[in-house]
């Protein structure tokens, strides 16, 4: 069975989730439930808080299943 990465984006950040690495510790949903949910689909909503809080929480991911990349801002 091929389980694929999930990608979530907002204007500032792209978040990837690798379900093969996830330990299901619940750290993300317990500590930042405005963004990470264990009962709502989609379970990641990057619009619910500031990017800095999202990044701080992702850095706490014990398995490394969550990663982030800041998006480049368009210049006109």
PDB file of N, CA and C in Angstrom:
ATOM      1  N   UNK A   1       0.838  -1.172   0.000  1.00  0.00           N
ATOM      2  CA  UNK A   1       0.000   0.000   0.000  1.00  0.00           C
ATOM      3  C   UNK A   1       0.891   1.245   0.000  1.00  0.00           C
ATOM      4  N   UNK A   2       0.638   2.157  -0.922  1.00  0.00           N
ATOM      5  CA  UNK A   2       1.437   3.357  -1.065  1.00  0.00           C
ATOM      6  C   UNK A   2       0.755   4.523  -0.352  1.00  0.00           C
ATOM      7  N   UNK A   3       1.324   4.954   0.756  1.00  0.00           N
ATOM      8  CA  UNK A   3       0.783   6.076   1.512  1.00  0.00           C
ATOM      9  C   UNK A   3       1.589   7.306   1.135  1.00  0.00           C
ATOM     10  N   UNK A   4       0.881   8.373   0.718  1.00  0.00           N
ATOM     11  CA  UNK A   4       1.563   9.546   0.212  1.00  0.00           C
ATOM     12  C   UNK A   4       1.583  10.694   1.209  1.00  0.00           C
ATOM     13  N   UNK A   5       2.545  11.570   1.001  1.00  0.00           N
ATOM     14  CA  UNK A   5       2.619  12.808   1.769  1.00  0.00           C
ATOM     15  C   UNK A   5       1.356  13.619   1.550  1.00  0.00           C
ATOM     16  N   UNK A   6       0.983  14.377   2.554  1.00  0.00           N
ATOM     17  CA  UNK A   6      -0.101  15.342   2.438  1.00  0.00           C
ATOM     18  C   UNK A   6       0.535  16.716   2.491  1.00  0.00           C
ATOM     19  N   UNK A   7       0.018  17.651   1.727  1.00  0.00           N
ATOM     20  CA  UNK A   7       0.546  19.004   1.696  1.00  0.00           C
ATOM     21  C   UNK A   7      -0.562  19.991   2.001  1.00  0.00           C
ATOM     22  N   UNK A   8      -0.250  20.963   2.846  1.00  0.00           N
ATOM     23  CA  UNK A   8      -1.180  22.003   3.239  1.00  0.00           C
ATOM     24  C   UNK A   8      -0.474  23.343   3.057  1.00  0.00           C
ATOM     25  N   UNK A   9      -1.188  24.343   2.548  1.00  0.00           N
ATOM     26  CA  UNK A   9      -0.552  25.630   2.263  1.00  0.00           C
ATOM     27  C   UNK A   9      -1.431  26.788   2.712  1.00  0.00           C
ATOM     28  N   UNK A  10      -0.748  27.884   3.049  1.00  0.00           N
ATOM     29  CA  UNK A  10      -1.418  29.173   3.157  1.00  0.00           C
ATOM     30  C   UNK A  10      -0.521  30.176   2.440  1.00  0.00           C
ATOM     31  N   UNK A  11      -0.747  31.439   2.615  1.00  0.00           N
ATOM     32  CA  UNK A  11       0.034  32.446   1.897  1.00  0.00           C
ATOM     33  C   UNK A  11       1.500  32.475   2.318  1.00  0.00           C
ATOM     34  N   UNK A  12       1.805  32.002   3.531  1.00  0.00           N
ATOM     35  CA  UNK A  12       3.153  32.136   4.078  1.00  0.00           C
ATOM     36  C   UNK A  12       3.941  30.846   4.199  1.00  0.00           C
ATOM     37  N   UNK A  13       3.261  29.727   4.362  1.00  0.00           N
ATOM     38  CA  UNK A  13       3.973  28.491   4.685  1.00  0.00           C
ATOM     39  C   UNK A  13       3.324  27.291   3.987  1.00  0.00           C
ATOM     40  N   UNK A  14       4.176  26.328   3.651  1.00  0.00           N
ATOM     41  CA  UNK A  14       3.722  25.029   3.160  1.00  0.00           C
ATOM     42  C   UNK A  14       4.096  24.000   4.211  1.00  0.00           C
ATOM     43  N   UNK A  15       3.134  23.182   4.605  1.00  0.00           N
ATOM     44  CA  UNK A  15       3.349  22.140   5.606  1.00  0.00           C
ATOM     45  C   UNK A  15       3.148  20.789   4.935  1.00  0.00           C
ATOM     46  N   UNK A  16       4.089  19.882   5.156  1.00  0.00           N
ATOM     47  CA  UNK A  16       3.940  18.523   4.652  1.00  0.00           C
ATOM     48  C   UNK A  16       3.826  17.560   5.826  1.00  0.00           C
ATOM     49  N   UNK A  17       3.084  16.504   5.580  1.00  0.00           N
ATOM     50  CA  UNK A  17       2.853  15.469   6.589  1.00  0.00           C
ATOM     51  C   UNK A  17       3.143  14.116   5.962  1.00  0.00           C
ATOM     52  N   UNK A  18       4.021  13.361   6.595  1.00  0.00           N
ATOM     53  CA  UNK A  18       4.360  12.015   6.136  1.00  0.00           C
ATOM     54  C   UNK A  18       3.738  11.004   7.098  1.00  0.00           C
ATOM     55  N   UNK A  19       2.608  10.399   6.724  1.00  0.00           N
ATOM     56  CA  UNK A  19       1.928   9.470   7.622  1.00  0.00           C
ATOM     57  C   UNK A  19       2.745   8.225   7.956  1.00  0.00           C
ATOM     58  N   UNK A  20       3.745   7.904   7.133  1.00  0.00           N
ATOM     59  CA  UNK A  20       4.584   6.732   7.414  1.00  0.00           C
ATOM     60  C   UNK A  20       5.489   6.969   8.614  1.00  0.00           C
ATOM     61  N   UNK A  21       5.807   8.239   8.900  1.00  0.00           N
ATOM     62  CA  UNK A  21       6.675   8.567  10.028  1.00  0.00           C
ATOM     63  C   UNK A  21       5.897   8.863  11.309  1.00  0.00           C
ATOM     64  N   UNK A  22       4.649   9.244  11.177  1.00  0.00           N
ATOM     65  CA  UNK A  22       3.869   9.728  12.325  1.00  0.00           C
ATOM     66  C   UNK A  22       3.732   8.664  13.411  1.00  0.00           C
ATOM     67  N   UNK A  23       4.011   9.075  14.646  1.00  0.00           N
ATOM     68  CA  UNK A  23       3.885   8.186  15.808  1.00  0.00           C
ATOM     69  C   UNK A  23       2.519   8.312  16.476  1.00  0.00           C
ATOM     70  N   UNK A  24       1.667   9.189  15.949  1.00  0.00           N
ATOM     71  CA  UNK A  24       0.324   9.425  16.489  1.00  0.00           C
ATOM     72  C   UNK A  24       0.364   9.802  17.972  1.00  0.00           C
ATOM     73  N   UNK A  25       1.353  10.599  18.339  1.00  0.00           N
ATOM     74  CA  UNK A  25       1.479  11.033  19.730  1.00  0.00           C
ATOM     75  C   UNK A  25       0.397  12.039  20.115  1.00  0.00           C
ATOM     76  N   UNK A  26      -0.148  12.732  19.117  1.00  0.00           N
ATOM     77  CA  UNK A  26      -1.173  13.732  19.391  1.00  0.00           C
ATOM     78  C   UNK A  26      -0.614  15.055  19.878  1.00  0.00           C
ATOM     79  N   UNK A  27       0.704  15.188  19.886  1.00  0.00           N
ATOM     80  CA  UNK A  27       1.325  16.424  20.364  1.00  0.00           C
ATOM     81  C   UNK A  27       0.790  17.632  19.606  1.00  0.00           C
ATOM     82  N   UNK A  28       0.690  17.530  18.302  1.00  0.00           N
ATOM     83  CA  UNK A  28       0.256  18.675  17.502  1.00  0.00           C
ATOM     84  C   UNK A  28      -1.178  19.079  17.851  1.00  0.00           C
ATOM     85  N   UNK A  29      -2.096  18.126  17.917  1.00  0.00           N
ATOM     86  CA  UNK A  29      -3.494  18.475  18.187  1.00  0.00           C
ATOM     87  C   UNK A  29      -3.733  18.869  19.641  1.00  0.00           C
ATOM     88  N   UNK A  30      -2.955  18.348  20.566  1.00  0.00           N
ATOM     89  CA  UNK A  30      -3.105  18.718  21.971  1.00  0.00           C
ATOM     90  C   UNK A  30      -2.590  20.128  22.236  1.00  0.00           C
ATOM     91  N   UNK A  31      -1.494  20.502  21.567  1.00  0.00           N
ATOM     92  CA  UNK A  31      -0.852  21.770  21.868  1.00  0.00           C
ATOM     93  C   UNK A  31      -1.257  22.910  20.944  1.00  0.00           C
ATOM     94  N   UNK A  32      -1.781  22.612  19.760  1.00  0.00           N
ATOM     95  CA  UNK A  32      -2.221  23.660  18.840  1.00  0.00           C
ATOM     96  C   UNK A  32      -3.475  23.181  18.112  1.00  0.00           C
ATOM     97  N   UNK A  33      -4.535  23.000  18.880  1.00  0.00           N
ATOM     98  CA  UNK A  33      -5.773  22.447  18.333  1.00  0.00           C
ATOM     99  C   UNK A  33      -6.486  23.387  17.364  1.00  0.00           C
ATOM    100  N   UNK A  34      -6.120  24.667  17.340  1.00  0.00           N
ATOM    101  CA  UNK A  34      -6.694  25.582  16.355  1.00  0.00           C
ATOM    102  C   UNK A  34      -6.247  25.231  14.942  1.00  0.00           C
ATOM    103  N   UNK A  35      -5.117  24.577  14.820  1.00  0.00           N
ATOM    104  CA  UNK A  35      -4.555  24.232  13.515  1.00  0.00           C
ATOM    105  C   UNK A  35      -4.628  22.735  13.245  1.00  0.00           C
ATOM    106  N   UNK A  36      -4.243  21.929  14.213  1.00  0.00           N
ATOM    107  CA  UNK A  36      -4.178  20.476  14.049  1.00  0.00           C
ATOM    108  C   UNK A  36      -5.329  19.831  14.813  1.00  0.00           C
ATOM    109  N   UNK A  37      -6.132  19.058  14.097  1.00  0.00           N
ATOM    110  CA  UNK A  37      -7.296  18.428  14.710  1.00  0.00           C
ATOM    111  C   UNK A  37      -7.225  16.918  14.542  1.00  0.00           C
ATOM    112  N   UNK A  38      -7.738  16.209  15.522  1.00  0.00           N
ATOM    113  CA  UNK A  38      -7.812  14.752  15.372  1.00  0.00           C
ATOM    114  C   UNK A  38      -9.237  14.297  15.087  1.00  0.00           C
ATOM    115  N   UNK A  39     -10.153  15.274  14.851  1.00  0.00           N
ATOM    116  CA  UNK A  39     -11.535  14.876  14.600  1.00  0.00           C
ATOM    117  C   UNK A  39     -12.211  15.635  13.452  1.00  0.00           C
ATOM    118  N   UNK A  40     -11.514  16.559  12.809  1.00  0.00           N
ATOM    119  CA  UNK A  40     -12.104  17.345  11.725  1.00  0.00           C
ATOM    120  C   UNK A  40     -11.283  17.131  10.455  1.00  0.00           C
ATOM    121  N   UNK A  41     -11.965  17.040   9.328  1.00  0.00           N
ATOM    122  CA  UNK A  41     -11.297  16.911   8.037  1.00  0.00           C
ATOM    123  C   UNK A  41     -11.499  18.221   7.282  1.00  0.00           C
ATOM    124  N   UNK A  42     -10.515  18.851   6.705  1.00  0.00           N
ATOM    125  CA  UNK A  42      -9.116  18.455   6.766  1.00  0.00           C
ATOM    126  C   UNK A  42      -8.556  18.696   8.160  1.00  0.00           C
ATOM    127  N   UNK A  43      -7.657  17.857   8.580  1.00  0.00           N
ATOM    128  CA  UNK A  43      -7.180  17.913   9.962  1.00  0.00           C
ATOM    129  C   UNK A  43      -6.138  18.995  10.196  1.00  0.00           C
ATOM    130  N   UNK A  44      -5.662  19.642   9.133  1.00  0.00           N
ATOM    131  CA  UNK A  44      -4.740  20.771   9.261  1.00  0.00           C
ATOM    132  C   UNK A  44      -5.391  21.990   8.615  1.00  0.00           C
ATOM    133  N   UNK A  45      -5.545  23.064   9.396  1.00  0.00           N
ATOM    134  CA  UNK A  45      -6.102  24.309   8.882  1.00  0.00           C
ATOM    135  C   UNK A  45      -5.132  25.432   9.217  1.00  0.00           C
ATOM    136  N   UNK A  46      -4.317  25.797   8.259  1.00  0.00           N
ATOM    137  CA  UNK A  46      -3.260  26.779   8.483  1.00  0.00           C
ATOM    138  C   UNK A  46      -3.775  28.203   8.606  1.00  0.00           C
ATOM    139  N   UNK A  47      -5.048  28.423   8.384  1.00  0.00           N
ATOM    140  CA  UNK A  47      -5.615  29.763   8.456  1.00  0.00           C
ATOM    141  C   UNK A  47      -6.034  30.141   9.878  1.00  0.00           C
ATOM    142  N   UNK A  48      -5.960  29.206  10.814  1.00  0.00           N
ATOM    143  CA  UNK A  48      -6.497  29.447  12.151  1.00  0.00           C
ATOM    144  C   UNK A  48      -5.550  30.099  13.145  1.00  0.00           C
ATOM    145  N   UNK A  49      -4.298  30.327  12.776  1.00  0.00           N
ATOM    146  CA  UNK A  49      -3.361  30.985  13.694  1.00  0.00           C
ATOM    147  C   UNK A  49      -2.177  31.536  12.915  1.00  0.00           C
ATOM    148  N   UNK A  50      -1.287  32.193  13.630  1.00  0.00           N
ATOM    149  CA  UNK A  50      -0.123  32.808  13.003  1.00  0.00           C
ATOM    150  C   UNK A  50       0.891  31.748  12.566  1.00  0.00           C
ATOM    151  N   UNK A  51       1.582  32.057  11.503  1.00  0.00           N
ATOM    152  CA  UNK A  51       2.592  31.151  10.950  1.00  0.00           C
ATOM    153  C   UNK A  51       3.664  30.819  11.981  1.00  0.00           C
ATOM    154  N   UNK A  52       4.060  31.786  12.785  1.00  0.00           N
ATOM    155  CA  UNK A  52       5.094  31.542  13.797  1.00  0.00           C
ATOM    156  C   UNK A  52       4.685  30.450  14.779  1.00  0.00           C
ATOM    157  N   UNK A  53       3.422  30.422  15.173  1.00  0.00           N
ATOM    158  CA  UNK A  53       2.928  29.387  16.086  1.00  0.00           C
ATOM    159  C   UNK A  53       2.920  28.025  15.406  1.00  0.00           C
ATOM    160  N   UNK A  54       2.559  28.005  14.130  1.00  0.00           N
ATOM    161  CA  UNK A  54       2.542  26.751  13.370  1.00  0.00           C
ATOM    162  C   UNK A  54       3.953  26.169  13.300  1.00  0.00           C
ATOM    163  N   UNK A  55       4.920  27.014  12.965  1.00  0.00           N
ATOM    164  CA  UNK A  55       6.309  26.566  12.862  1.00  0.00           C
ATOM    165  C   UNK A  55       6.825  26.064  14.206  1.00  0.00           C
ATOM    166  N   UNK A  56       6.525  26.789  15.254  1.00  0.00           N
ATOM    167  CA  UNK A  56       6.961  26.389  16.599  1.00  0.00           C
ATOM    168  C   UNK A  56       6.415  24.997  16.944  1.00  0.00           C
ATOM    169  N   UNK A  57       5.145  24.745  16.616  1.00  0.00           N
ATOM    170  CA  UNK A  57       4.542  23.450  16.913  1.00  0.00           C
ATOM    171  C   UNK A  57       5.145  22.346  16.051  1.00  0.00           C
ATOM    172  N   UNK A  58       5.366  22.615  14.779  1.00  0.00           N
ATOM    173  CA  UNK A  58       5.948  21.603  13.896  1.00  0.00           C
ATOM    174  C   UNK A  58       7.332  21.188  14.394  1.00  0.00           C
ATOM    175  N   UNK A  59       8.078  22.123  14.907  1.00  0.00           N
ATOM    176  CA  UNK A  59       9.415  21.804  15.432  1.00  0.00           C
ATOM    177  C   UNK A  59       9.349  20.881  16.640  1.00  0.00           C
ATOM    178  N   UNK A  60       8.181  20.772  17.285  1.00  0.00           N
ATOM    179  CA  UNK A  60       8.005  19.869  18.436  1.00  0.00           C
ATOM    180  C   UNK A  60       7.581  18.465  18.016  1.00  0.00           C
ATOM    181  N   UNK A  61       7.318  18.256  16.743  1.00  0.00           N
ATOM    182  CA  UNK A  61       6.843  16.950  16.268  1.00  0.00           C
ATOM    183  C   UNK A  61       7.887  15.888  16.607  1.00  0.00           C
ATOM    184  N   UNK A  62       7.548  14.909  17.455  1.00  0.00           N
ATOM    185  CA  UNK A  62       8.542  13.935  17.910  1.00  0.00           C
ATOM    186  C   UNK A  62       9.045  12.983  16.823  1.00  0.00           C
ATOM    187  N   UNK A  63       8.245  12.760  15.789  1.00  0.00           N
ATOM    188  CA  UNK A  63       8.634  11.802  14.754  1.00  0.00           C
ATOM    189  C   UNK A  63       9.234  12.456  13.517  1.00  0.00           C
ATOM    190  N   UNK A  64       9.043  13.756  13.365  1.00  0.00           N
ATOM    191  CA  UNK A  64       9.490  14.422  12.151  1.00  0.00           C
ATOM    192  C   UNK A  64       8.526  14.250  10.992  1.00  0.00           C
ATOM    193  N   UNK A  65       7.317  13.792  11.277  1.00  0.00           N
ATOM    194  CA  UNK A  65       6.319  13.598  10.223  1.00  0.00           C
ATOM    195  C   UNK A  65       5.835  14.926   9.649  1.00  0.00           C
ATOM    196  N   UNK A  66       5.862  15.973  10.459  1.00  0.00           N
ATOM    197  CA  UNK A  66       5.466  17.299  10.000  1.00  0.00           C
ATOM    198  C   UNK A  66       6.711  18.110   9.660  1.00  0.00           C
ATOM    199  N   UNK A  67       6.694  18.734   8.510  1.00  0.00           N
ATOM    200  CA  UNK A  67       7.783  19.609   8.063  1.00  0.00           C
ATOM    201  C   UNK A  67       7.148  20.892   7.540  1.00  0.00           C
ATOM    202  N   UNK A  68       7.952  21.950   7.464  1.00  0.00           N
ATOM    203  CA  UNK A  68       7.438  23.198   6.904  1.00  0.00           C
ATOM    204  C   UNK A  68       8.466  23.832   5.988  1.00  0.00           C
ATOM    205  N   UNK A  69       7.957  24.666   5.109  1.00  0.00           N
ATOM    206  CA  UNK A  69       8.807  25.462   4.222  1.00  0.00           C
ATOM    207  C   UNK A  69       8.105  26.803   4.041  1.00  0.00           C
ATOM    208  N   UNK A  70       8.827  27.881   4.329  1.00  0.00           N
ATOM    209  CA  UNK A  70       8.261  29.207   4.127  1.00  0.00           C
ATOM    210  C   UNK A  70       8.118  29.447   2.630  1.00  0.00           C
ATOM    211  N   UNK A  71       7.010  30.026   2.247  1.00  0.00           N
ATOM    212  CA  UNK A  71       6.763  30.298   0.837  1.00  0.00           C
ATOM    213  C   UNK A  71       7.357  31.646   0.465  1.00  0.00           C
ATOM    214  N   UNK A  72       7.843  31.727  -0.744  1.00  0.00           N
ATOM    215  CA  UNK A  72       8.383  32.994  -1.228  1.00  0.00           C
ATOM    216  C   UNK A  72       7.227  33.948  -1.507  1.00  0.00           C
ATOM    217  N   UNK A  73       7.419  35.193  -1.088  1.00  0.00           N
ATOM    218  CA  UNK A  73       6.396  36.201  -1.332  1.00  0.00           C
ATOM    219  C   UNK A  73       6.612  36.802  -2.713  1.00  0.00           C
ATOM    220  N   UNK A  74       5.532  36.935  -3.441  1.00  0.00           N
ATOM    221  CA  UNK A  74       5.620  37.521  -4.765  1.00  0.00           C
ATOM    222  C   UNK A  74       5.937  38.998  -4.668  1.00  0.00           C
ATOM    223  N   UNK A  75       6.785  39.454  -5.545  1.00  0.00           N
ATOM    224  CA  UNK A  75       7.090  40.884  -5.608  1.00  0.00           C
ATOM    225  C   UNK A  75       6.601  41.414  -6.945  1.00  0.00           C
ATOM    226  N   UNK A  76       6.008  42.554  -6.893  1.00  0.00           N
ATOM    227  CA  UNK A  76       5.445  43.158  -8.115  1.00  0.00           C
ATOM    228  C   UNK A  76       6.109  44.462  -8.413  1.00  0.00           C
TER     229      UNK A  76
END
